[in-house]
Amino acid sequence: MRCLVLSFIFAACVVVAAAVFFVWRGASISLQAEQTHQAYLVTLDALTVYVGEHAGNWPKDWRELATAQPKRPSPSFRWPDDLPEFERRVQVDFSVTAADVAAMDAANFKAVQPIGANYGTDEVGIERLLQAIRK
């Protein structure tokens, strides 16, 4: 009987430990997704500001993009101080031209993509960027 009780206690501990692990893991992934989403939103905004300030031209690299000051603040990272975090979380295709980007629409927009866990794209931000680059 005592062995049965100890087995039950052990099994309950394993179940609780597994539940704690999966809750912690889910929260961790959610936090990473939120940080990536915020970096993505700020990057879209920085690109919108950049093309507005540079006659619709597309930046050649992150350093060039970092000269633009986005209007949208990030609760997670400081622009451009935390640029490595933005680079790690957001893929910007610097090989495209402004004409390439202007030819895209929100549904097939591939010039800026979040990397890793994320909450998807921001169609409103993409539309703002496309409007700015088409001026």
Protein backbone atom coordinates (compact mmCIF):
# COMPACT_ATOMS: atom_id res chain seq x y z
CA MET A 1 0.00 0.00 0.00
CA ARG A 2 2.80 2.39 0.93
CA CYS A 3 4.50 1.71 -2.44
CA LEU A 4 1.26 2.57 -4.23
CA VAL A 5 0.97 5.89 -2.37
CA LEU A 6 4.61 6.77 -3.14
CA SER A 7 4.06 5.90 -6.81
CA PHE A 8 0.99 8.14 -6.90
CA ILE A 9 2.90 11.02 -5.27
CA PHE A 10 5.78 10.58 -7.71
CA ALA A 11 3.40 10.52 -10.70
CA ALA A 12 1.63 13.65 -9.42
CA CYS A 13 4.99 15.44 -9.07
CA VAL A 14 5.93 14.50 -12.63
CA VAL A 15 2.59 15.80 -13.94
CA VAL A 16 2.93 19.07 -12.01
CA ALA A 17 6.53 19.53 -13.18
CA ALA A 18 5.51 18.90 -16.79
CA ALA A 19 2.62 21.37 -16.50
CA VAL A 20 4.92 24.04 -15.02
CA PHE A 21 7.45 23.47 -17.80
CA PHE A 22 4.86 23.77 -20.58
CA VAL A 23 3.30 26.90 -19.05
CA TRP A 24 6.76 28.47 -18.69
CA ARG A 25 7.68 27.48 -22.24
CA GLY A 26 4.45 28.91 -23.64
CA ALA A 27 4.96 32.19 -21.77
CA SER A 28 8.55 32.38 -23.00
CA ILE A 29 7.54 31.84 -26.64
CA SER A 30 4.74 34.40 -26.26
CA LEU A 31 7.19 36.98 -24.89
CA GLN A 32 9.61 36.31 -27.76
CA ALA A 33 6.76 36.64 -30.28
CA GLU A 34 5.71 39.97 -28.75
CA GLN A 35 9.26 41.33 -28.84
CA THR A 36 9.65 40.24 -32.46
CA HIS A 37 6.30 41.82 -33.32
CA GLN A 38 7.34 45.11 -31.72
CA ALA A 39 10.68 45.06 -33.58
CA TYR A 40 8.82 44.35 -36.83
CA LEU A 41 6.39 47.26 -36.29
CA VAL A 42 9.22 49.70 -35.52
CA THR A 43 11.21 48.49 -38.55
CA LEU A 44 8.22 49.06 -40.85
CA ASP A 45 7.81 52.53 -39.36
CA ALA A 46 11.53 53.31 -39.75
CA LEU A 47 11.35 52.23 -43.39
CA THR A 48 8.30 54.43 -43.94
CA VAL A 49 10.14 57.42 -42.45
CA TYR A 50 13.30 56.58 -44.43
CA VAL A 51 11.59 56.43 -47.84
CA GLY A 52 9.73 59.64 -47.01
CA GLU A 53 12.98 61.43 -46.19
CA HIS A 54 14.93 59.97 -49.13
CA ALA A 55 12.63 60.64 -52.10
CA GLY A 56 11.19 57.13 -52.09
CA ASN A 57 14.57 55.37 -52.16
CA TRP A 58 15.01 52.03 -50.41
CA PRO A 59 17.92 51.74 -47.92
CA LYS A 60 20.94 49.63 -48.85
CA ASP A 61 21.55 48.18 -45.36
CA TRP A 62 20.68 48.42 -41.67
CA ARG A 63 23.20 51.24 -41.08
CA GLU A 64 21.52 53.37 -43.71
CA LEU A 65 18.09 52.55 -42.30
CA ALA A 66 19.28 53.45 -38.79
CA THR A 67 19.55 57.10 -39.88
CA ALA A 68 15.74 57.30 -39.91
CA GLN A 69 13.97 58.00 -36.63
CA PRO A 70 10.73 55.99 -36.45
CA LYS A 71 7.67 57.70 -35.03
CA ARG A 72 6.53 54.54 -33.29
CA PRO A 73 8.33 53.82 -30.00
CA SER A 74 9.19 50.27 -29.00
CA PRO A 75 8.49 49.08 -25.47
CA SER A 76 11.13 46.37 -25.90
CA PHE A 77 14.06 47.87 -27.79
CA ARG A 78 15.55 51.32 -28.41
CA TRP A 79 16.06 52.45 -32.00
CA PRO A 80 18.84 52.54 -33.20
CA ASP A 81 20.74 51.62 -30.01
CA ASP A 82 19.43 48.05 -30.06
CA LEU A 83 19.87 47.60 -33.82
CA PRO A 84 21.33 44.07 -33.41
CA GLU A 85 18.03 42.98 -31.81
CA PHE A 86 16.08 44.40 -34.75
CA GLU A 87 18.42 42.64 -37.19
CA ARG A 88 17.97 39.36 -35.30
CA ARG A 89 14.18 39.62 -35.30
CA VAL A 90 13.36 41.21 -38.66
CA GLN A 91 14.50 40.30 -42.18
CA VAL A 92 14.70 43.29 -44.50
CA ASP A 93 15.45 42.59 -48.13
CA PHE A 94 17.96 45.32 -48.93
CA SER A 95 18.60 43.85 -52.39
CA VAL A 96 15.26 45.09 -53.75
CA THR A 97 14.75 48.48 -55.34
CA ALA A 98 12.12 51.04 -54.48
CA ALA A 99 10.37 50.10 -57.74
CA ASP A 100 10.32 46.43 -56.67
CA VAL A 101 8.74 47.34 -53.35
CA ALA A 102 6.26 49.75 -54.95
CA ALA A 103 5.07 46.92 -57.22
CA MET A 104 4.18 44.76 -54.21
CA ASP A 105 0.88 44.77 -52.38
CA ALA A 106 0.11 43.85 -48.77
CA ALA A 107 -0.83 40.28 -49.73
CA ASN A 108 2.49 39.50 -51.46
CA PHE A 109 4.76 41.86 -49.50
CA LYS A 110 8.09 40.09 -48.89
CA ALA A 111 10.51 42.98 -48.40
CA VAL A 112 10.18 42.91 -44.60
CA GLN A 113 9.46 39.73 -42.64
CA PRO A 114 9.51 38.87 -38.94
CA ILE A 115 11.97 36.13 -37.97
CA GLY A 116 11.06 33.38 -35.52
CA ALA A 117 8.06 33.34 -33.21
CA ASN A 118 5.81 36.28 -34.09
CA TYR A 119 2.23 37.48 -34.34
CA GLY A 120 2.18 37.85 -38.11
CA THR A 121 2.49 40.81 -40.42
CA ASP A 122 1.02 44.29 -40.03
CA GLU A 123 -1.06 45.05 -43.12
CA VAL A 124 -1.77 48.62 -41.99
CA GLY A 125 1.96 49.30 -41.53
CA ILE A 126 2.72 47.67 -44.88
CA GLU A 127 0.10 49.85 -46.60
CA ARG A 128 1.61 52.98 -45.01
CA LEU A 129 5.05 51.97 -46.26
CA LEU A 130 3.73 51.23 -49.76
CA GLN A 131 1.94 54.59 -49.90
CA ALA A 132 5.13 56.40 -48.83
CA ILE A 133 7.27 54.62 -51.42
CA ARG A 134 4.76 55.25 -54.23
CA LYS A 135 4.70 59.05 -53.70
